[in-house]
Amino acid sequence: MSFSYEENGKNLKNSCTSESSQGTQSSDCHQLYDIIEIEDSAQNRIGQWLNETSNGKILQLSYSLNSEAREGSYQVIVSIGEVKLYHSFKVEKYVLPKFDVKIIQLMMYY
């Protein structure tokens, strides 16, 4: 079983594979996630979901950060029984890119 977490902070993807005499096969999973937590840069739990079940390969959850959220590394922690999976992501202030536009008029000589 493998997990991936998209950087937009909203999707936890769960995919299952099984070994057989014909090789590795993928199948849909209906997985129970005991606890899914979000921790901020100071390791405070700022969000959680309990006993969530996926209906297939994707369990989609969302959490909106406060506009004054601390910058730094955050973690998503997924607990399935005794197994814990961790994924980190960064929260940074978004700064609009700055640029200049210069228009130079060429002189035409006839």
PDB file of N, CA and C in Angstrom:
ATOM      1  N   MET A   1       0.856  -1.169   0.000  1.00  0.00           N
ATOM      2  CA  MET A   1       0.000   0.000   0.000  1.00  0.00           C
ATOM      3  C   MET A   1       0.900   1.229   0.000  1.00  0.00           C
ATOM      4  N   SER A   2       0.552   2.217  -0.791  1.00  0.00           N
ATOM      5  CA  SER A   2       1.360   3.427  -0.819  1.00  0.00           C
ATOM      6  C   SER A   2       0.469   4.648  -0.662  1.00  0.00           C
ATOM      7  N   PHE A   3       1.059   5.742  -0.206  1.00  0.00           N
ATOM      8  CA  PHE A   3       0.328   6.973   0.037  1.00  0.00           C
ATOM      9  C   PHE A   3       1.095   8.119  -0.588  1.00  0.00           C
ATOM     10  N   SER A   4       0.378   9.108  -1.075  1.00  0.00           N
ATOM     11  CA  SER A   4       1.030  10.335  -1.517  1.00  0.00           C
ATOM     12  C   SER A   4       0.163  11.502  -1.093  1.00  0.00           C
ATOM     13  N   TYR A   5       0.801  12.620  -0.867  1.00  0.00           N
ATOM     14  CA  TYR A   5       0.097  13.810  -0.414  1.00  0.00           C
ATOM     15  C   TYR A   5       0.411  14.931  -1.377  1.00  0.00           C
ATOM     16  N   GLU A   6      -0.618  15.529  -1.979  1.00  0.00           N
ATOM     17  CA  GLU A   6      -0.400  16.604  -2.933  1.00  0.00           C
ATOM     18  C   GLU A   6      -0.089  17.900  -2.209  1.00  0.00           C
ATOM     19  N   GLU A   7       0.752  18.703  -2.812  1.00  0.00           N
ATOM     20  CA  GLU A   7       1.220  19.927  -2.186  1.00  0.00           C
ATOM     21  C   GLU A   7       0.133  20.959  -1.941  1.00  0.00           C
ATOM     22  N   ASN A   8      -0.998  20.859  -2.638  1.00  0.00           N
ATOM     23  CA  ASN A   8      -2.048  21.834  -2.376  1.00  0.00           C
ATOM     24  C   ASN A   8      -2.727  21.582  -1.040  1.00  0.00           C
ATOM     25  N   GLY A   9      -2.328  20.516  -0.366  1.00  0.00           N
ATOM     26  CA  GLY A   9      -2.803  20.274   0.985  1.00  0.00           C
ATOM     27  C   GLY A   9      -4.179  19.664   1.070  1.00  0.00           C
ATOM     28  N   LYS A  10      -4.700  19.137  -0.003  1.00  0.00           N
ATOM     29  CA  LYS A  10      -6.069  18.668   0.035  1.00  0.00           C
ATOM     30  C   LYS A  10      -6.252  17.187  -0.244  1.00  0.00           C
ATOM     31  N   ASN A  11      -5.314  16.542  -0.881  1.00  0.00           N
ATOM     32  CA  ASN A  11      -5.554  15.171  -1.301  1.00  0.00           C
ATOM     33  C   ASN A  11      -4.551  14.198  -0.717  1.00  0.00           C
ATOM     34  N   LEU A  12      -5.056  13.136  -0.141  1.00  0.00           N
ATOM     35  CA  LEU A  12      -4.232  12.024   0.314  1.00  0.00           C
ATOM     36  C   LEU A  12      -4.630  10.854  -0.569  1.00  0.00           C
ATOM     37  N   LYS A  13      -3.695  10.356  -1.352  1.00  0.00           N
ATOM     38  CA  LYS A  13      -4.009   9.289  -2.295  1.00  0.00           C
ATOM     39  C   LYS A  13      -3.513   7.964  -1.745  1.00  0.00           C
ATOM     40  N   ASN A  14      -4.364   6.965  -1.799  1.00  0.00           N
ATOM     41  CA  ASN A  14      -4.076   5.649  -1.269  1.00  0.00           C
ATOM     42  C   ASN A  14      -4.213   4.659  -2.420  1.00  0.00           C
ATOM     43  N   SER A  15      -3.169   3.903  -2.708  1.00  0.00           N
ATOM     44  CA  SER A  15      -3.303   2.883  -3.744  1.00  0.00           C
ATOM     45  C   SER A  15      -2.791   1.555  -3.208  1.00  0.00           C
ATOM     46  N   CYS A  16      -3.439   0.485  -3.596  1.00  0.00           N
ATOM     47  CA  CYS A  16      -3.076  -0.851  -3.115  1.00  0.00           C
ATOM     48  C   CYS A  16      -2.525  -1.678  -4.254  1.00  0.00           C
ATOM     49  N   THR A  17      -1.542  -2.490  -3.953  1.00  0.00           N
ATOM     50  CA  THR A  17      -1.031  -3.446  -4.915  1.00  0.00           C
ATOM     51  C   THR A  17      -0.987  -4.805  -4.249  1.00  0.00           C
ATOM     52  N   SER A  18      -1.175  -5.826  -5.045  1.00  0.00           N
ATOM     53  CA  SER A  18      -1.108  -7.181  -4.503  1.00  0.00           C
ATOM     54  C   SER A  18      -0.239  -8.029  -5.415  1.00  0.00           C
ATOM     55  N   GLU A  19       0.480  -8.968  -4.820  1.00  0.00           N
ATOM     56  CA  GLU A  19       1.357  -9.861  -5.576  1.00  0.00           C
ATOM     57  C   GLU A  19       0.580 -11.136  -5.888  1.00  0.00           C
ATOM     58  N   SER A  20       0.686 -11.591  -7.124  1.00  0.00           N
ATOM     59  CA  SER A  20       0.071 -12.862  -7.510  1.00  0.00           C
ATOM     60  C   SER A  20       1.018 -13.564  -8.473  1.00  0.00           C
ATOM     61  N   SER A  21       0.668 -14.770  -8.900  1.00  0.00           N
ATOM     62  CA  SER A  21       1.524 -15.502  -9.828  1.00  0.00           C
ATOM     63  C   SER A  21       1.590 -14.805 -11.186  1.00  0.00           C
ATOM     64  N   GLN A  22       0.610 -13.940 -11.497  1.00  0.00           N
ATOM     65  CA  GLN A  22       0.620 -13.193 -12.754  1.00  0.00           C
ATOM     66  C   GLN A  22       1.394 -11.881 -12.620  1.00  0.00           C
ATOM     67  N   GLY A  23       1.946 -11.582 -11.467  1.00  0.00           N
ATOM     68  CA  GLY A  23       2.688 -10.348 -11.258  1.00  0.00           C
ATOM     69  C   GLY A  23       1.961  -9.432 -10.292  1.00  0.00           C
ATOM     70  N   THR A  24       2.398  -8.182 -10.245  1.00  0.00           N
ATOM     71  CA  THR A  24       1.809  -7.196  -9.346  1.00  0.00           C
ATOM     72  C   THR A  24       0.547  -6.628  -9.965  1.00  0.00           C
ATOM     73  N   GLN A  25      -0.512  -6.547  -9.181  1.00  0.00           N
ATOM     74  CA  GLN A  25      -1.777  -6.001  -9.665  1.00  0.00           C
ATOM     75  C   GLN A  25      -2.219  -4.876  -8.752  1.00  0.00           C
ATOM     76  N   SER A  26      -2.845  -3.854  -9.342  1.00  0.00           N
ATOM     77  CA  SER A  26      -3.406  -2.757  -8.559  1.00  0.00           C
ATOM     78  C   SER A  26      -4.887  -3.000  -8.345  1.00  0.00           C
ATOM     79  N   SER A  27      -5.375  -2.567  -7.212  1.00  0.00           N
ATOM     80  CA  SER A  27      -6.804  -2.679  -6.936  1.00  0.00           C
ATOM     81  C   SER A  27      -7.230  -1.511  -6.073  1.00  0.00           C
ATOM     82  N   ASP A  28      -8.514  -1.240  -6.039  1.00  0.00           N
ATOM     83  CA  ASP A  28      -9.032  -0.173  -5.196  1.00  0.00           C
ATOM     84  C   ASP A  28      -9.028  -0.623  -3.744  1.00  0.00           C
ATOM     85  N   CYS A  29      -8.828   0.308  -2.859  1.00  0.00           N
ATOM     86  CA  CYS A  29      -8.838   0.025  -1.428  1.00  0.00           C
ATOM     87  C   CYS A  29      -9.972   0.786  -0.770  1.00  0.00           C
ATOM     88  N   HIS A  30     -10.569   0.177   0.175  1.00  0.00           N
ATOM     89  CA  HIS A  30     -11.503   0.849   1.064  1.00  0.00           C
ATOM     90  C   HIS A  30     -10.822   0.801   2.416  1.00  0.00           C
ATOM     91  N   GLN A  31     -10.030   1.835   2.687  1.00  0.00           N
ATOM     92  CA  GLN A  31      -9.145   1.858   3.843  1.00  0.00           C
ATOM     93  C   GLN A  31      -9.742   2.706   4.953  1.00  0.00           C
ATOM     94  N   LEU A  32      -9.634   2.231   6.186  1.00  0.00           N
ATOM     95  CA  LEU A  32     -10.027   3.016   7.350  1.00  0.00           C
ATOM     96  C   LEU A  32      -8.788   3.712   7.889  1.00  0.00           C
ATOM     97  N   TYR A  33      -8.851   5.036   7.971  1.00  0.00           N
ATOM     98  CA  TYR A  33      -7.777   5.844   8.539  1.00  0.00           C
ATOM     99  C   TYR A  33      -8.218   6.219   9.948  1.00  0.00           C
ATOM    100  N   ASP A  34      -7.511   5.711  10.952  1.00  0.00           N
ATOM    101  CA  ASP A  34      -7.909   5.951  12.340  1.00  0.00           C
ATOM    102  C   ASP A  34      -7.848   7.436  12.685  1.00  0.00           C
ATOM    103  N   ILE A  35      -6.703   8.047  12.437  1.00  0.00           N
ATOM    104  CA  ILE A  35      -6.526   9.478  12.723  1.00  0.00           C
ATOM    105  C   ILE A  35      -5.702  10.096  11.597  1.00  0.00           C
ATOM    106  N   ILE A  36      -6.142  11.244  11.122  1.00  0.00           N
ATOM    107  CA  ILE A  36      -5.367  12.056  10.190  1.00  0.00           C
ATOM    108  C   ILE A  36      -5.202  13.407  10.865  1.00  0.00           C
ATOM    109  N   GLU A  37      -3.957  13.797  11.104  1.00  0.00           N
ATOM    110  CA  GLU A  37      -3.678  15.029  11.854  1.00  0.00           C
ATOM    111  C   GLU A  37      -2.872  16.000  11.000  1.00  0.00           C
ATOM    112  N   ILE A  38      -3.037  17.284  11.299  1.00  0.00           N
ATOM    113  CA  ILE A  38      -2.174  18.315  10.734  1.00  0.00           C
ATOM    114  C   ILE A  38      -1.512  19.021  11.903  1.00  0.00           C
ATOM    115  N   GLU A  39      -0.167  19.094  11.861  1.00  0.00           N
ATOM    116  CA  GLU A  39       0.595  19.791  12.897  1.00  0.00           C
ATOM    117  C   GLU A  39       1.270  21.008  12.284  1.00  0.00           C
ATOM    118  N   ASP A  40       1.283  22.124  13.041  1.00  0.00           N
ATOM    119  CA  ASP A  40       1.954  23.331  12.563  1.00  0.00           C
ATOM    120  C   ASP A  40       3.450  23.258  12.839  1.00  0.00           C
ATOM    121  N   SER A  41       4.156  24.337  12.548  1.00  0.00           N
ATOM    122  CA  SER A  41       5.612  24.353  12.688  1.00  0.00           C
ATOM    123  C   SER A  41       6.076  24.216  14.135  1.00  0.00           C
ATOM    124  N   ALA A  42       5.193  24.480  15.101  1.00  0.00           N
ATOM    125  CA  ALA A  42       5.538  24.319  16.517  1.00  0.00           C
ATOM    126  C   ALA A  42       5.030  22.980  17.063  1.00  0.00           C
ATOM    127  N   GLN A  43       4.651  22.073  16.185  1.00  0.00           N
ATOM    128  CA  GLN A  43       4.140  20.738  16.501  1.00  0.00           C
ATOM    129  C   GLN A  43       2.835  20.767  17.294  1.00  0.00           C
ATOM    130  N   ASN A  44       2.043  21.818  17.098  1.00  0.00           N
ATOM    131  CA  ASN A  44       0.702  21.874  17.671  1.00  0.00           C
ATOM    132  C   ASN A  44      -0.271  21.233  16.696  1.00  0.00           C
ATOM    133  N   ARG A  45      -1.166  20.411  17.201  1.00  0.00           N
ATOM    134  CA  ARG A  45      -2.186  19.818  16.334  1.00  0.00           C
ATOM    135  C   ARG A  45      -3.208  20.907  16.013  1.00  0.00           C
ATOM    136  N   ILE A  46      -3.344  21.222  14.742  1.00  0.00           N
ATOM    137  CA  ILE A  46      -4.263  22.283  14.343  1.00  0.00           C
ATOM    138  C   ILE A  46      -5.483  21.741  13.601  1.00  0.00           C
ATOM    139  N   GLY A  47      -5.464  20.481  13.264  1.00  0.00           N
ATOM    140  CA  GLY A  47      -6.607  19.861  12.593  1.00  0.00           C
ATOM    141  C   GLY A  47      -6.525  18.360  12.699  1.00  0.00           C
ATOM    142  N   GLN A  48      -7.690  17.713  12.671  1.00  0.00           N
ATOM    143  CA  GLN A  48      -7.696  16.253  12.694  1.00  0.00           C
ATOM    144  C   GLN A  48      -9.007  15.715  12.161  1.00  0.00           C
ATOM    145  N   TRP A  49      -8.950  14.513  11.653  1.00  0.00           N
ATOM    146  CA  TRP A  49     -10.123  13.766  11.233  1.00  0.00           C
ATOM    147  C   TRP A  49     -10.015  12.396  11.876  1.00  0.00           C
ATOM    148  N   LEU A  50     -11.127  11.858  12.341  1.00  0.00           N
ATOM    149  CA  LEU A  50     -11.143  10.556  13.001  1.00  0.00           C
ATOM    150  C   LEU A  50     -11.961   9.569  12.189  1.00  0.00           C
ATOM    151  N   ASN A  51     -11.454   8.331  12.086  1.00  0.00           N
ATOM    152  CA  ASN A  51     -12.170   7.222  11.462  1.00  0.00           C
ATOM    153  C   ASN A  51     -12.734   7.568  10.084  1.00  0.00           C
ATOM    154  N   GLU A  52     -11.875   8.066   9.219  1.00  0.00           N
ATOM    155  CA  GLU A  52     -12.265   8.373   7.838  1.00  0.00           C
ATOM    156  C   GLU A  52     -12.037   7.131   6.977  1.00  0.00           C
ATOM    157  N   THR A  53     -12.937   6.888   6.043  1.00  0.00           N
ATOM    158  CA  THR A  53     -12.824   5.746   5.141  1.00  0.00           C
ATOM    159  C   THR A  53     -12.794   6.233   3.708  1.00  0.00           C
ATOM    160  N   SER A  54     -11.862   5.684   2.937  1.00  0.00           N
ATOM    161  CA  SER A  54     -11.813   6.029   1.519  1.00  0.00           C
ATOM    162  C   SER A  54     -12.802   5.146   0.771  1.00  0.00           C
ATOM    163  N   ASN A  55     -13.376   5.697  -0.280  1.00  0.00           N
ATOM    164  CA  ASN A  55     -14.318   4.940  -1.106  1.00  0.00           C
ATOM    165  C   ASN A  55     -13.646   4.395  -2.353  1.00  0.00           C
ATOM    166  N   GLY A  56     -12.374   4.451  -2.402  1.00  0.00           N
ATOM    167  CA  GLY A  56     -11.621   3.996  -3.559  1.00  0.00           C
ATOM    168  C   GLY A  56     -10.175   4.360  -3.358  1.00  0.00           C
ATOM    169  N   LYS A  57      -9.545   4.885  -4.393  1.00  0.00           N
ATOM    170  CA  LYS A  57      -8.126   5.197  -4.304  1.00  0.00           C
ATOM    171  C   LYS A  57      -7.845   6.533  -3.636  1.00  0.00           C
ATOM    172  N   ILE A  58      -8.817   7.426  -3.555  1.00  0.00           N
ATOM    173  CA  ILE A  58      -8.550   8.768  -3.048  1.00  0.00           C
ATOM    174  C   ILE A  58      -9.460   9.096  -1.867  1.00  0.00           C
ATOM    175  N   LEU A  59      -8.844   9.592  -0.812  1.00  0.00           N
ATOM    176  CA  LEU A  59      -9.577  10.176   0.302  1.00  0.00           C
ATOM    177  C   LEU A  59      -9.272  11.662   0.241  1.00  0.00           C
ATOM    178  N   GLN A  60     -10.281  12.473  -0.009  1.00  0.00           N
ATOM    179  CA  GLN A  60     -10.064  13.905  -0.161  1.00  0.00           C
ATOM    180  C   GLN A  60     -10.632  14.642   1.030  1.00  0.00           C
ATOM    181  N   LEU A  61      -9.751  15.383   1.709  1.00  0.00           N
ATOM    182  CA  LEU A  61     -10.123  16.195   2.857  1.00  0.00           C
ATOM    183  C   LEU A  61      -9.549  17.583   2.625  1.00  0.00           C
ATOM    184  N   SER A  62     -10.110  18.587   3.257  1.00  0.00           N
ATOM    185  CA  SER A  62      -9.527  19.916   3.121  1.00  0.00           C
ATOM    186  C   SER A  62      -9.476  20.597   4.477  1.00  0.00           C
ATOM    187  N   TYR A  63      -8.503  21.462   4.621  1.00  0.00           N
ATOM    188  CA  TYR A  63      -8.313  22.236   5.840  1.00  0.00           C
ATOM    189  C   TYR A  63      -7.814  23.610   5.423  1.00  0.00           C
ATOM    190  N   SER A  64      -8.496  24.658   5.823  1.00  0.00           N
ATOM    191  CA  SER A  64      -8.079  26.016   5.476  1.00  0.00           C
ATOM    192  C   SER A  64      -7.227  26.591   6.595  1.00  0.00           C
ATOM    193  N   LEU A  65      -6.061  27.080   6.225  1.00  0.00           N
ATOM    194  CA  LEU A  65      -5.183  27.717   7.196  1.00  0.00           C
ATOM    195  C   LEU A  65      -5.645  29.137   7.470  1.00  0.00           C
ATOM    196  N   ASN A  66      -5.470  29.574   8.683  1.00  0.00           N
ATOM    197  CA  ASN A  66      -5.726  30.948   9.081  1.00  0.00           C
ATOM    198  C   ASN A  66      -4.797  31.862   8.290  1.00  0.00           C
ATOM    199  N   SER A  67      -5.257  33.043   7.929  1.00  0.00           N
ATOM    200  CA  SER A  67      -4.416  33.964   7.152  1.00  0.00           C
ATOM    201  C   SER A  67      -3.178  34.403   7.932  1.00  0.00           C
ATOM    202  N   GLU A  68      -3.184  34.243   9.242  1.00  0.00           N
ATOM    203  CA  GLU A  68      -2.025  34.590  10.067  1.00  0.00           C
ATOM    204  C   GLU A  68      -1.279  33.342  10.549  1.00  0.00           C
ATOM    205  N   ALA A  69      -1.397  32.253   9.796  1.00  0.00           N
ATOM    206  CA  ALA A  69      -0.730  31.006  10.172  1.00  0.00           C
ATOM    207  C   ALA A  69       0.778  31.199  10.195  1.00  0.00           C
ATOM    208  N   ARG A  70       1.436  30.487  11.119  1.00  0.00           N
ATOM    209  CA  ARG A  70       2.891  30.548  11.225  1.00  0.00           C
ATOM    210  C   ARG A  70       3.530  30.004   9.956  1.00  0.00           C
ATOM    211  N   GLU A  71       4.633  30.623   9.567  1.00  0.00           N
ATOM    212  CA  GLU A  71       5.408  30.077   8.466  1.00  0.00           C
ATOM    213  C   GLU A  71       6.258  28.933   8.999  1.00  0.00           C
ATOM    214  N   GLY A  72       6.605  28.013   8.123  1.00  0.00           N
ATOM    215  CA  GLY A  72       7.477  26.912   8.508  1.00  0.00           C
ATOM    216  C   GLY A  72       6.988  25.591   7.977  1.00  0.00           C
ATOM    217  N   SER A  73       7.569  24.517   8.487  1.00  0.00           N
ATOM    218  CA  SER A  73       7.214  23.160   8.061  1.00  0.00           C
ATOM    219  C   SER A  73       6.024  22.644   8.851  1.00  0.00           C
ATOM    220  N   TYR A  74       5.044  22.141   8.144  1.00  0.00           N
ATOM    221  CA  TYR A  74       3.863  21.520   8.730  1.00  0.00           C
ATOM    222  C   TYR A  74       3.911  20.040   8.390  1.00  0.00           C
ATOM    223  N   GLN A  75       3.151  19.229   9.136  1.00  0.00           N
ATOM    224  CA  GLN A  75       3.116  17.791   8.886  1.00  0.00           C
ATOM    225  C   GLN A  75       1.695  17.284   8.798  1.00  0.00           C
ATOM    226  N   VAL A  76       1.498  16.337   7.906  1.00  0.00           N
ATOM    227  CA  VAL A  76       0.274  15.535   7.890  1.00  0.00           C
ATOM    228  C   VAL A  76       0.692  14.175   8.431  1.00  0.00           C
ATOM    229  N   ILE A  77      -0.013  13.706   9.446  1.00  0.00           N
ATOM    230  CA  ILE A  77       0.298  12.413  10.068  1.00  0.00           C
ATOM    231  C   ILE A  77      -0.933  11.527   9.918  1.00  0.00           C
ATOM    232  N   VAL A  78      -0.746  10.382   9.286  1.00  0.00           N
ATOM    233  CA  VAL A  78      -1.844   9.449   9.045  1.00  0.00           C
ATOM    234  C   VAL A  78      -1.598   8.208   9.883  1.00  0.00           C
ATOM    235  N   SER A  79      -2.579   7.854  10.728  1.00  0.00           N
ATOM    236  CA  SER A  79      -2.463   6.659  11.572  1.00  0.00           C
ATOM    237  C   SER A  79      -3.441   5.601  11.081  1.00  0.00           C
ATOM    238  N   ILE A  80      -2.885   4.421  10.781  1.00  0.00           N
ATOM    239  CA  ILE A  80      -3.681   3.262  10.395  1.00  0.00           C
ATOM    240  C   ILE A  80      -3.261   2.142  11.327  1.00  0.00           C
ATOM    241  N   GLY A  81      -4.067   1.882  12.339  1.00  0.00           N
ATOM    242  CA  GLY A  81      -3.664   0.914  13.356  1.00  0.00           C
ATOM    243  C   GLY A  81      -2.421   1.426  14.066  1.00  0.00           C
ATOM    244  N   GLU A  82      -1.378   0.609  14.107  1.00  0.00           N
ATOM    245  CA  GLU A  82      -0.120   0.987  14.751  1.00  0.00           C
ATOM    246  C   GLU A  82       0.832   1.710  13.803  1.00  0.00           C
ATOM    247  N   VAL A  83       0.487   1.775  12.529  1.00  0.00           N
ATOM    248  CA  VAL A  83       1.359   2.385  11.523  1.00  0.00           C
ATOM    249  C   VAL A  83       1.075   3.879  11.427  1.00  0.00           C
ATOM    250  N   LYS A  84       2.153   4.680  11.396  1.00  0.00           N
ATOM    251  CA  LYS A  84       2.018   6.125  11.199  1.00  0.00           C
ATOM    252  C   LYS A  84       2.814   6.524   9.971  1.00  0.00           C
ATOM    253  N   LEU A  85       2.195   7.320   9.118  1.00  0.00           N
ATOM    254  CA  LEU A  85       2.841   7.844   7.923  1.00  0.00           C
ATOM    255  C   LEU A  85       2.925   9.352   8.061  1.00  0.00           C
ATOM    256  N   TYR A  86       4.067   9.917   7.670  1.00  0.00           N
ATOM    257  CA  TYR A  86       4.307  11.347   7.830  1.00  0.00           C
ATOM    258  C   TYR A  86       4.587  11.983   6.473  1.00  0.00           C
ATOM    259  N   HIS A  87       4.082  13.189   6.293  1.00  0.00           N
ATOM    260  CA  HIS A  87       4.427  13.987   5.113  1.00  0.00           C
ATOM    261  C   HIS A  87       4.529  15.447   5.538  1.00  0.00           C
ATOM    262  N   SER A  88       5.622  16.091   5.153  1.00  0.00           N
ATOM    263  CA  SER A  88       5.843  17.496   5.503  1.00  0.00           C
ATOM    264  C   SER A  88       5.564  18.394   4.308  1.00  0.00           C
ATOM    265  N   PHE A  89       5.154  19.620   4.599  1.00  0.00           N
ATOM    266  CA  PHE A  89       5.008  20.642   3.570  1.00  0.00           C
ATOM    267  C   PHE A  89       5.305  21.984   4.205  1.00  0.00           C
ATOM    268  N   LYS A  90       5.660  22.959   3.378  1.00  0.00           N
ATOM    269  CA  LYS A  90       6.051  24.283   3.863  1.00  0.00           C
ATOM    270  C   LYS A  90       4.919  25.275   3.695  1.00  0.00           C
ATOM    271  N   VAL A  91       4.782  26.149   4.680  1.00  0.00           N
ATOM    272  CA  VAL A  91       3.865  27.280   4.597  1.00  0.00           C
ATOM    273  C   VAL A  91       4.725  28.530   4.547  1.00  0.00           C
ATOM    274  N   GLU A  92       4.550  29.295   3.483  1.00  0.00           N
ATOM    275  CA  GLU A  92       5.311  30.524   3.298  1.00  0.00           C
ATOM    276  C   GLU A  92       4.373  31.640   2.875  1.00  0.00           C
ATOM    277  N   LYS A  93       4.772  32.864   3.162  1.00  0.00           N
ATOM    278  CA  LYS A  93       3.995  34.007   2.700  1.00  0.00           C
ATOM    279  C   LYS A  93       4.121  34.090   1.189  1.00  0.00           C
ATOM    280  N   TYR A  94       3.011  34.372   0.535  1.00  0.00           N
ATOM    281  CA  TYR A  94       3.028  34.533  -0.913  1.00  0.00           C
ATOM    282  C   TYR A  94       3.286  35.990  -1.226  1.00  0.00           C
ATOM    283  N   VAL A  95       4.291  36.220  -2.020  1.00  0.00           N
ATOM    284  CA  VAL A  95       4.631  37.573  -2.430  1.00  0.00           C
ATOM    285  C   VAL A  95       4.449  37.648  -3.937  1.00  0.00           C
ATOM    286  N   LEU A  96       3.655  38.618  -4.368  1.00  0.00           N
ATOM    287  CA  LEU A  96       3.451  38.780  -5.799  1.00  0.00           C
ATOM    288  C   LEU A  96       4.772  39.115  -6.473  1.00  0.00           C
ATOM    289  N   PRO A  97       5.020  38.532  -7.624  1.00  0.00           N
ATOM    290  CA  PRO A  97       6.261  38.853  -8.324  1.00  0.00           C
ATOM    291  C   PRO A  97       6.257  40.309  -8.779  1.00  0.00           C
ATOM    292  N   LYS A  98       7.416  40.949  -8.691  1.00  0.00           N
ATOM    293  CA  LYS A  98       7.544  42.338  -9.110  1.00  0.00           C
ATOM    294  C   LYS A  98       8.285  42.375 -10.434  1.00  0.00           C
ATOM    295  N   PHE A  99       7.835  43.251 -11.315  1.00  0.00           N
ATOM    296  CA  PHE A  99       8.496  43.394 -12.595  1.00  0.00           C
ATOM    297  C   PHE A  99       8.234  44.794 -13.134  1.00  0.00           C
ATOM    298  N   ASP A 100       9.090  45.201 -14.039  1.00  0.00           N
ATOM    299  CA  ASP A 100       8.962  46.498 -14.699  1.00  0.00           C
ATOM    300  C   ASP A 100       8.659  46.265 -16.164  1.00  0.00           C
ATOM    301  N   VAL A 101       7.885  47.166 -16.730  1.00  0.00           N
ATOM    302  CA  VAL A 101       7.618  47.144 -18.159  1.00  0.00           C
ATOM    303  C   VAL A 101       8.144  48.453 -18.721  1.00  0.00           C
ATOM    304  N   LYS A 102       9.054  48.348 -19.676  1.00  0.00           N
ATOM    305  CA  LYS A 102       9.606  49.538 -20.323  1.00  0.00           C
ATOM    306  C   LYS A 102       9.235  49.497 -21.792  1.00  0.00           C
ATOM    307  N   ILE A 103       8.743  50.601 -22.287  1.00  0.00           N
ATOM    308  CA  ILE A 103       8.393  50.704 -23.692  1.00  0.00           C
ATOM    309  C   ILE A 103       9.360  51.693 -24.326  1.00  0.00           C
ATOM    310  N   ILE A 104      10.066  51.228 -25.311  1.00  0.00           N
ATOM    311  CA  ILE A 104      11.034  52.067 -26.008  1.00  0.00           C
ATOM    312  C   ILE A 104      10.514  52.288 -27.420  1.00  0.00           C
ATOM    313  N   GLN A 105      10.324  53.529 -27.765  1.00  0.00           N
ATOM    314  CA  GLN A 105       9.830  53.858 -29.090  1.00  0.00           C
ATOM    315  C   GLN A 105      11.021  54.060 -30.017  1.00  0.00           C
ATOM    316  N   LEU A 106      11.031  53.312 -31.086  1.00  0.00           N
ATOM    317  CA  LEU A 106      12.112  53.431 -32.058  1.00  0.00           C
ATOM    318  C   LEU A 106      11.797  54.584 -33.005  1.00  0.00           C
ATOM    319  N   MET A 107      12.794  55.382 -33.323  1.00  0.00           N
ATOM    320  CA  MET A 107      12.616  56.487 -34.261  1.00  0.00           C
ATOM    321  C   MET A 107      12.761  55.936 -35.670  1.00  0.00           C
ATOM    322  N   MET A 108      11.800  56.223 -36.494  1.00  0.00           N
ATOM    323  CA  MET A 108      11.816  55.781 -37.875  1.00  0.00           C
ATOM    324  C   MET A 108      12.285  56.934 -38.751  1.00  0.00           C
ATOM    325  N   TYR A 109      13.319  56.734 -39.556  1.00  0.00           N
ATOM    326  CA  TYR A 109      13.825  57.760 -40.465  1.00  0.00           C
ATOM    327  C   TYR A 109      13.425  57.388 -41.882  1.00  0.00           C
ATOM    328  N   TYR A 110      12.873  58.350 -42.609  1.00  0.00           N
ATOM    329  CA  TYR A 110      12.482  58.116 -43.998  1.00  0.00           C
ATOM    330  C   TYR A 110      13.343  58.873 -44.928  1.00  0.00           C
TER     331      TYR A 110
END
